[in-house]
Amino acid sequence: MCLAIPARVVECLPDGSGLVELGGVRKIVSLALLEGVAPGDYVIVHVGFALTRLDPDEAEATLALMREAGLTGEGGP
């Protein structure tokens, strides 16, 4: 079973990778499977690869539900 959580792209790097952030944790992942990813986009990351881009409103709603359930380690509403 896999758990996919939206991560926000912070920076696109010249080698086809990017820096993403979730709950204050930043990680470099491959953006090679997606075209036109830009900082501020939300992506689903699995085993170090961004697999798909998400609608920002949908991503924020998902993250809010996860915060409410205590699943992301972030506080707040």
PDB file of N, CA and C in Angstrom:
ATOM      1  N   MET A   1       0.840  -1.171   0.000  1.00  0.00           N
ATOM      2  CA  MET A   1       0.000   0.000   0.000  1.00  0.00           C
ATOM      3  C   MET A   1       0.887   1.237   0.000  1.00  0.00           C
ATOM      4  N   CYS A   2       0.459   2.254  -0.735  1.00  0.00           N
ATOM      5  CA  CYS A   2       1.217   3.499  -0.831  1.00  0.00           C
ATOM      6  C   CYS A   2       0.366   4.643  -0.296  1.00  0.00           C
ATOM      7  N   LEU A   3       1.031   5.585   0.306  1.00  0.00           N
ATOM      8  CA  LEU A   3       0.376   6.797   0.758  1.00  0.00           C
ATOM      9  C   LEU A   3       0.970   7.949  -0.028  1.00  0.00           C
ATOM     10  N   ALA A   4       0.123   8.673  -0.738  1.00  0.00           N
ATOM     11  CA  ALA A   4       0.587   9.805  -1.534  1.00  0.00           C
ATOM     12  C   ALA A   4       0.092  11.086  -0.874  1.00  0.00           C
ATOM     13  N   ILE A   5       1.011  11.984  -0.612  1.00  0.00           N
ATOM     14  CA  ILE A   5       0.697  13.249   0.031  1.00  0.00           C
ATOM     15  C   ILE A   5       1.175  14.369  -0.880  1.00  0.00           C
ATOM     16  N   PRO A   6       0.353  15.407  -1.076  1.00  0.00           N
ATOM     17  CA  PRO A   6       0.792  16.526  -1.905  1.00  0.00           C
ATOM     18  C   PRO A   6       2.007  17.226  -1.298  1.00  0.00           C
ATOM     19  N   ALA A   7       2.998  17.488  -2.126  1.00  0.00           N
ATOM     20  CA  ALA A   7       4.185  18.241  -1.716  1.00  0.00           C
ATOM     21  C   ALA A   7       4.293  19.466  -2.617  1.00  0.00           C
ATOM     22  N   ARG A   8       4.654  20.594  -2.041  1.00  0.00           N
ATOM     23  CA  ARG A   8       4.780  21.847  -2.804  1.00  0.00           C
ATOM     24  C   ARG A   8       6.193  21.978  -3.355  1.00  0.00           C
ATOM     25  N   VAL A   9       6.293  22.297  -4.640  1.00  0.00           N
ATOM     26  CA  VAL A   9       7.595  22.510  -5.275  1.00  0.00           C
ATOM     27  C   VAL A   9       8.121  23.871  -4.829  1.00  0.00           C
ATOM     28  N   VAL A  10       9.317  23.860  -4.243  1.00  0.00           N
ATOM     29  CA  VAL A  10       9.952  25.081  -3.765  1.00  0.00           C
ATOM     30  C   VAL A  10      10.884  25.644  -4.833  1.00  0.00           C
ATOM     31  N   GLU A  11      11.601  24.749  -5.503  1.00  0.00           N
ATOM     32  CA  GLU A  11      12.600  25.181  -6.485  1.00  0.00           C
ATOM     33  C   GLU A  11      12.792  24.091  -7.526  1.00  0.00           C
ATOM     34  N   CYS A  12      12.905  24.499  -8.791  1.00  0.00           N
ATOM     35  CA  CYS A  12      13.242  23.575  -9.877  1.00  0.00           C
ATOM     36  C   CYS A  12      14.747  23.700 -10.125  1.00  0.00           C
ATOM     37  N   LEU A  13      15.425  22.575 -10.147  1.00  0.00           N
ATOM     38  CA  LEU A  13      16.876  22.560 -10.303  1.00  0.00           C
ATOM     39  C   LEU A  13      17.243  22.232 -11.746  1.00  0.00           C
ATOM     40  N   PRO A  14      18.411  22.674 -12.205  1.00  0.00           N
ATOM     41  CA  PRO A  14      18.787  22.520 -13.612  1.00  0.00           C
ATOM     42  C   PRO A  14      18.962  21.069 -14.073  1.00  0.00           C
ATOM     43  N   ASP A  15      19.124  20.134 -13.164  1.00  0.00           N
ATOM     44  CA  ASP A  15      19.352  18.743 -13.569  1.00  0.00           C
ATOM     45  C   ASP A  15      18.059  17.935 -13.720  1.00  0.00           C
ATOM     46  N   GLY A  16      16.895  18.612 -13.716  1.00  0.00           N
ATOM     47  CA  GLY A  16      15.625  17.911 -13.860  1.00  0.00           C
ATOM     48  C   GLY A  16      15.036  17.458 -12.541  1.00  0.00           C
ATOM     49  N   SER A  17      15.672  17.861 -11.459  1.00  0.00           N
ATOM     50  CA  SER A  17      15.125  17.548 -10.146  1.00  0.00           C
ATOM     51  C   SER A  17      14.540  18.821  -9.546  1.00  0.00           C
ATOM     52  N   GLY A  18      13.933  18.674  -8.387  1.00  0.00           N
ATOM     53  CA  GLY A  18      13.364  19.833  -7.728  1.00  0.00           C
ATOM     54  C   GLY A  18      13.344  19.642  -6.232  1.00  0.00           C
ATOM     55  N   LEU A  19      13.294  20.748  -5.528  1.00  0.00           N
ATOM     56  CA  LEU A  19      13.192  20.745  -4.079  1.00  0.00           C
ATOM     57  C   LEU A  19      11.715  20.884  -3.735  1.00  0.00           C
ATOM     58  N   VAL A  20      11.177  19.907  -2.980  1.00  0.00           N
ATOM     59  CA  VAL A  20       9.779  19.958  -2.555  1.00  0.00           C
ATOM     60  C   VAL A  20       9.720  20.058  -1.049  1.00  0.00           C
ATOM     61  N   GLU A  21       8.573  20.529  -0.545  1.00  0.00           N
ATOM     62  CA  GLU A  21       8.405  20.701   0.895  1.00  0.00           C
ATOM     63  C   GLU A  21       7.054  20.169   1.330  1.00  0.00           C
ATOM     64  N   LEU A  22       7.069  19.496   2.465  1.00  0.00           N
ATOM     65  CA  LEU A  22       5.841  19.037   3.101  1.00  0.00           C
ATOM     66  C   LEU A  22       6.024  19.126   4.605  1.00  0.00           C
ATOM     67  N   GLY A  23       5.230  19.934   5.231  1.00  0.00           N
ATOM     68  CA  GLY A  23       5.291  20.052   6.689  1.00  0.00           C
ATOM     69  C   GLY A  23       6.631  20.527   7.202  1.00  0.00           C
ATOM     70  N   GLY A  24       7.302  21.392   6.456  1.00  0.00           N
ATOM     71  CA  GLY A  24       8.588  21.912   6.889  1.00  0.00           C
ATOM     72  C   GLY A  24       9.768  21.030   6.520  1.00  0.00           C
ATOM     73  N   VAL A  25       9.502  19.847   5.975  1.00  0.00           N
ATOM     74  CA  VAL A  25      10.575  18.945   5.543  1.00  0.00           C
ATOM     75  C   VAL A  25      10.792  19.152   4.051  1.00  0.00           C
ATOM     76  N   ARG A  26      12.040  19.356   3.683  1.00  0.00           N
ATOM     77  CA  ARG A  26      12.384  19.559   2.274  1.00  0.00           C
ATOM     78  C   ARG A  26      13.200  18.385   1.763  1.00  0.00           C
ATOM     79  N   LYS A  27      12.956  18.032   0.504  1.00  0.00           N
ATOM     80  CA  LYS A  27      13.628  16.886  -0.093  1.00  0.00           C
ATOM     81  C   LYS A  27      13.784  17.134  -1.585  1.00  0.00           C
ATOM     82  N   ILE A  28      14.884  16.677  -2.148  1.00  0.00           N
ATOM     83  CA  ILE A  28      15.087  16.767  -3.587  1.00  0.00           C
ATOM     84  C   ILE A  28      14.513  15.516  -4.227  1.00  0.00           C
ATOM     85  N   VAL A  29      13.660  15.726  -5.248  1.00  0.00           N
ATOM     86  CA  VAL A  29      13.031  14.622  -5.971  1.00  0.00           C
ATOM     87  C   VAL A  29      13.213  14.843  -7.469  1.00  0.00           C
ATOM     88  N   SER A  30      13.004  13.794  -8.235  1.00  0.00           N
ATOM     89  CA  SER A  30      13.065  13.901  -9.688  1.00  0.00           C
ATOM     90  C   SER A  30      11.767  14.479 -10.226  1.00  0.00           C
ATOM     91  N   LEU A  31      11.886  15.447 -11.126  1.00  0.00           N
ATOM     92  CA  LEU A  31      10.740  16.019 -11.835  1.00  0.00           C
ATOM     93  C   LEU A  31      10.709  15.543 -13.285  1.00  0.00           C
ATOM     94  N   ALA A  32      11.551  14.558 -13.616  1.00  0.00           N
ATOM     95  CA  ALA A  32      11.743  14.111 -14.996  1.00  0.00           C
ATOM     96  C   ALA A  32      10.476  13.555 -15.641  1.00  0.00           C
ATOM     97  N   LEU A  33       9.529  13.082 -14.862  1.00  0.00           N
ATOM     98  CA  LEU A  33       8.322  12.482 -15.437  1.00  0.00           C
ATOM     99  C   LEU A  33       7.233  13.509 -15.749  1.00  0.00           C
ATOM    100  N   LEU A  34       7.463  14.771 -15.385  1.00  0.00           N
ATOM    101  CA  LEU A  34       6.469  15.821 -15.597  1.00  0.00           C
ATOM    102  C   LEU A  34       7.052  16.953 -16.417  1.00  0.00           C
ATOM    103  N   GLU A  35       6.193  17.598 -17.196  1.00  0.00           N
ATOM    104  CA  GLU A  35       6.622  18.769 -17.967  1.00  0.00           C
ATOM    105  C   GLU A  35       6.023  20.031 -17.364  1.00  0.00           C
ATOM    106  N   GLY A  36       6.772  21.106 -17.410  1.00  0.00           N
ATOM    107  CA  GLY A  36       6.263  22.412 -17.027  1.00  0.00           C
ATOM    108  C   GLY A  36       5.997  22.607 -15.549  1.00  0.00           C
ATOM    109  N   VAL A  37       6.662  21.852 -14.693  1.00  0.00           N
ATOM    110  CA  VAL A  37       6.497  22.046 -13.255  1.00  0.00           C
ATOM    111  C   VAL A  37       7.198  23.341 -12.852  1.00  0.00           C
ATOM    112  N   ALA A  38       6.544  24.108 -11.991  1.00  0.00           N
ATOM    113  CA  ALA A  38       7.101  25.388 -11.562  1.00  0.00           C
ATOM    114  C   ALA A  38       6.999  25.500 -10.039  1.00  0.00           C
ATOM    115  N   PRO A  39       7.842  26.342  -9.442  1.00  0.00           N
ATOM    116  CA  PRO A  39       7.723  26.576  -8.003  1.00  0.00           C
ATOM    117  C   PRO A  39       6.298  27.011  -7.653  1.00  0.00           C
ATOM    118  N   GLY A  40       5.798  26.451  -6.562  1.00  0.00           N
ATOM    119  CA  GLY A  40       4.434  26.725  -6.140  1.00  0.00           C
ATOM    120  C   GLY A  40       3.455  25.633  -6.542  1.00  0.00           C
ATOM    121  N   ASP A  41       3.818  24.817  -7.545  1.00  0.00           N
ATOM    122  CA  ASP A  41       2.969  23.694  -7.944  1.00  0.00           C
ATOM    123  C   ASP A  41       2.971  22.639  -6.846  1.00  0.00           C
ATOM    124  N   TYR A  42       1.884  21.887  -6.775  1.00  0.00           N
ATOM    125  CA  TYR A  42       1.813  20.730  -5.891  1.00  0.00           C
ATOM    126  C   TYR A  42       1.934  19.469  -6.732  1.00  0.00           C
ATOM    127  N   VAL A  43       2.713  18.523  -6.228  1.00  0.00           N
ATOM    128  CA  VAL A  43       2.919  17.255  -6.923  1.00  0.00           C
ATOM    129  C   VAL A  43       2.749  16.096  -5.941  1.00  0.00           C
ATOM    130  N   ILE A  44       2.446  14.936  -6.497  1.00  0.00           N
ATOM    131  CA  ILE A  44       2.430  13.701  -5.715  1.00  0.00           C
ATOM    132  C   ILE A  44       3.790  13.042  -5.928  1.00  0.00           C
ATOM    133  N   VAL A  45       4.473  12.691  -4.837  1.00  0.00           N
ATOM    134  CA  VAL A  45       5.805  12.102  -4.899  1.00  0.00           C
ATOM    135  C   VAL A  45       5.741  10.665  -4.401  1.00  0.00           C
ATOM    136  N   HIS A  46       6.365   9.776  -5.165  1.00  0.00           N
ATOM    137  CA  HIS A  46       6.476   8.371  -4.753  1.00  0.00           C
ATOM    138  C   HIS A  46       7.881   7.899  -5.085  1.00  0.00           C
ATOM    139  N   VAL A  47       8.543   7.295  -4.140  1.00  0.00           N
ATOM    140  CA  VAL A  47       9.921   6.792  -4.235  1.00  0.00           C
ATOM    141  C   VAL A  47      10.858   7.761  -4.965  1.00  0.00           C
ATOM    142  N   GLY A  48      10.738   9.049  -4.624  1.00  0.00           N
ATOM    143  CA  GLY A  48      11.670  10.040  -5.138  1.00  0.00           C
ATOM    144  C   GLY A  48      11.323  10.642  -6.489  1.00  0.00           C
ATOM    145  N   PHE A  49      10.147  10.292  -7.044  1.00  0.00           N
ATOM    146  CA  PHE A  49       9.726  10.837  -8.333  1.00  0.00           C
ATOM    147  C   PHE A  49       8.394  11.558  -8.189  1.00  0.00           C
ATOM    148  N   ALA A  50       8.304  12.763  -8.744  1.00  0.00           N
ATOM    149  CA  ALA A  50       7.025  13.460  -8.821  1.00  0.00           C
ATOM    150  C   ALA A  50       6.233  12.791  -9.938  1.00  0.00           C
ATOM    151  N   LEU A  51       5.059  12.253  -9.603  1.00  0.00           N
ATOM    152  CA  LEU A  51       4.285  11.478 -10.566  1.00  0.00           C
ATOM    153  C   LEU A  51       3.205  12.277 -11.272  1.00  0.00           C
ATOM    154  N   THR A  52       2.620  13.235 -10.584  1.00  0.00           N
ATOM    155  CA  THR A  52       1.547  14.026 -11.187  1.00  0.00           C
ATOM    156  C   THR A  52       1.456  15.377 -10.495  1.00  0.00           C
ATOM    157  N   ARG A  53       0.932  16.332 -11.214  1.00  0.00           N
ATOM    158  CA  ARG A  53       0.704  17.657 -10.665  1.00  0.00           C
ATOM    159  C   ARG A  53      -0.739  17.713 -10.161  1.00  0.00           C
ATOM    160  N   LEU A  54      -0.973  18.442  -9.073  1.00  0.00           N
ATOM    161  CA  LEU A  54      -2.304  18.546  -8.479  1.00  0.00           C
ATOM    162  C   LEU A  54      -2.830  19.967  -8.556  1.00  0.00           C
ATOM    163  N   ASP A  55      -4.153  20.069  -8.581  1.00  0.00           N
ATOM    164  CA  ASP A  55      -4.811  21.357  -8.468  1.00  0.00           C
ATOM    165  C   ASP A  55      -4.478  21.934  -7.092  1.00  0.00           C
ATOM    166  N   PRO A  56      -4.050  23.190  -7.010  1.00  0.00           N
ATOM    167  CA  PRO A  56      -3.649  23.763  -5.714  1.00  0.00           C
ATOM    168  C   PRO A  56      -4.761  23.739  -4.662  1.00  0.00           C
ATOM    169  N   ASP A  57      -6.010  23.996  -5.065  1.00  0.00           N
ATOM    170  CA  ASP A  57      -7.110  23.979  -4.098  1.00  0.00           C
ATOM    171  C   ASP A  57      -7.339  22.569  -3.563  1.00  0.00           C
ATOM    172  N   GLU A  58      -7.268  21.581  -4.437  1.00  0.00           N
ATOM    173  CA  GLU A  58      -7.425  20.187  -4.017  1.00  0.00           C
ATOM    174  C   GLU A  58      -6.290  19.764  -3.085  1.00  0.00           C
ATOM    175  N   ALA A  59      -5.069  20.176  -3.425  1.00  0.00           N
ATOM    176  CA  ALA A  59      -3.917  19.841  -2.586  1.00  0.00           C
ATOM    177  C   ALA A  59      -4.063  20.460  -1.201  1.00  0.00           C
ATOM    178  N   GLU A  60      -4.457  21.725  -1.137  1.00  0.00           N
ATOM    179  CA  GLU A  60      -4.629  22.404   0.155  1.00  0.00           C
ATOM    180  C   GLU A  60      -5.734  21.751   0.973  1.00  0.00           C
ATOM    181  N   ALA A  61      -6.827  21.362   0.325  1.00  0.00           N
ATOM    182  CA  ALA A  61      -7.927  20.704   1.040  1.00  0.00           C
ATOM    183  C   ALA A  61      -7.468  19.359   1.605  1.00  0.00           C
ATOM    184  N   THR A  62      -6.711  18.610   0.826  1.00  0.00           N
ATOM    185  CA  THR A  62      -6.189  17.315   1.286  1.00  0.00           C
ATOM    186  C   THR A  62      -5.260  17.511   2.479  1.00  0.00           C
ATOM    187  N   LEU A  63      -4.354  18.483   2.383  1.00  0.00           N
ATOM    188  CA  LEU A  63      -3.419  18.739   3.476  1.00  0.00           C
ATOM    189  C   LEU A  63      -4.151  19.212   4.733  1.00  0.00           C
ATOM    190  N   ALA A  64      -5.203  20.013   4.567  1.00  0.00           N
ATOM    191  CA  ALA A  64      -5.979  20.480   5.722  1.00  0.00           C
ATOM    192  C   ALA A  64      -6.647  19.294   6.431  1.00  0.00           C
ATOM    193  N   LEU A  65      -7.204  18.367   5.656  1.00  0.00           N
ATOM    194  CA  LEU A  65      -7.819  17.175   6.255  1.00  0.00           C
ATOM    195  C   LEU A  65      -6.779  16.323   6.979  1.00  0.00           C
ATOM    196  N   MET A  66      -5.615  16.204   6.394  1.00  0.00           N
ATOM    197  CA  MET A  66      -4.553  15.407   7.014  1.00  0.00           C
ATOM    198  C   MET A  66      -4.055  16.063   8.297  1.00  0.00           C
ATOM    199  N   ARG A  67      -3.954  17.399   8.302  1.00  0.00           N
ATOM    200  CA  ARG A  67      -3.560  18.112   9.524  1.00  0.00           C
ATOM    201  C   ARG A  67      -4.607  17.904  10.612  1.00  0.00           C
ATOM    202  N   GLU A  68      -5.877  18.021  10.219  1.00  0.00           N
ATOM    203  CA  GLU A  68      -6.974  17.855  11.169  1.00  0.00           C
ATOM    204  C   GLU A  68      -6.960  16.457  11.794  1.00  0.00           C
ATOM    205  N   ALA A  69      -6.587  15.456  11.000  1.00  0.00           N
ATOM    206  CA  ALA A  69      -6.536  14.078  11.483  1.00  0.00           C
ATOM    207  C   ALA A  69      -5.224  13.776  12.206  1.00  0.00           C
ATOM    208  N   GLY A  70      -4.290  14.756  12.217  1.00  0.00           N
ATOM    209  CA  GLY A  70      -3.013  14.557  12.889  1.00  0.00           C
ATOM    210  C   GLY A  70      -2.053  13.680  12.124  1.00  0.00           C
ATOM    211  N   LEU A  71      -2.196  13.626  10.798  1.00  0.00           N
ATOM    212  CA  LEU A  71      -1.383  12.724   9.992  1.00  0.00           C
ATOM    213  C   LEU A  71      -0.133  13.355   9.395  1.00  0.00           C
ATOM    214  N   THR A  72      -0.017  14.673   9.407  1.00  0.00           N
ATOM    215  CA  THR A  72       1.139  15.293   8.756  1.00  0.00           C
ATOM    216  C   THR A  72       2.178  15.821   9.727  1.00  0.00           C
ATOM    217  N   GLY A  73       1.878  15.799  11.017  1.00  0.00           N
ATOM    218  CA  GLY A  73       2.832  16.312  11.983  1.00  0.00           C
ATOM    219  C   GLY A  73       2.826  17.815  12.081  1.00  0.00           C
ATOM    220  N   GLU A  74       1.905  18.473  11.335  1.00  0.00           N
ATOM    221  CA  GLU A  74       1.770  19.922  11.389  1.00  0.00           C
ATOM    222  C   GLU A  74       0.631  20.277  12.311  1.00  0.00           C
ATOM    223  N   GLY A  75       0.735  21.409  12.956  1.00  0.00           N
ATOM    224  CA  GLY A  75      -0.365  21.884  13.797  1.00  0.00           C
ATOM    225  C   GLY A  75      -1.251  22.826  13.029  1.00  0.00           C
ATOM    226  N   GLY A  76      -2.287  23.266  13.674  1.00  0.00           N
ATOM    227  CA  GLY A  76      -3.157  24.286  13.091  1.00  0.00           C
ATOM    228  C   GLY A  76      -4.331  23.717  12.351  1.00  0.00           C
ATOM    229  N   PRO A  77      -5.242  24.622  11.977  1.00  0.00           N
ATOM    230  CA  PRO A  77      -6.463  24.203  11.291  1.00  0.00           C
ATOM    231  C   PRO A  77      -6.231  23.863   9.839  1.00  0.00           C
TER     232      PRO A  77
END
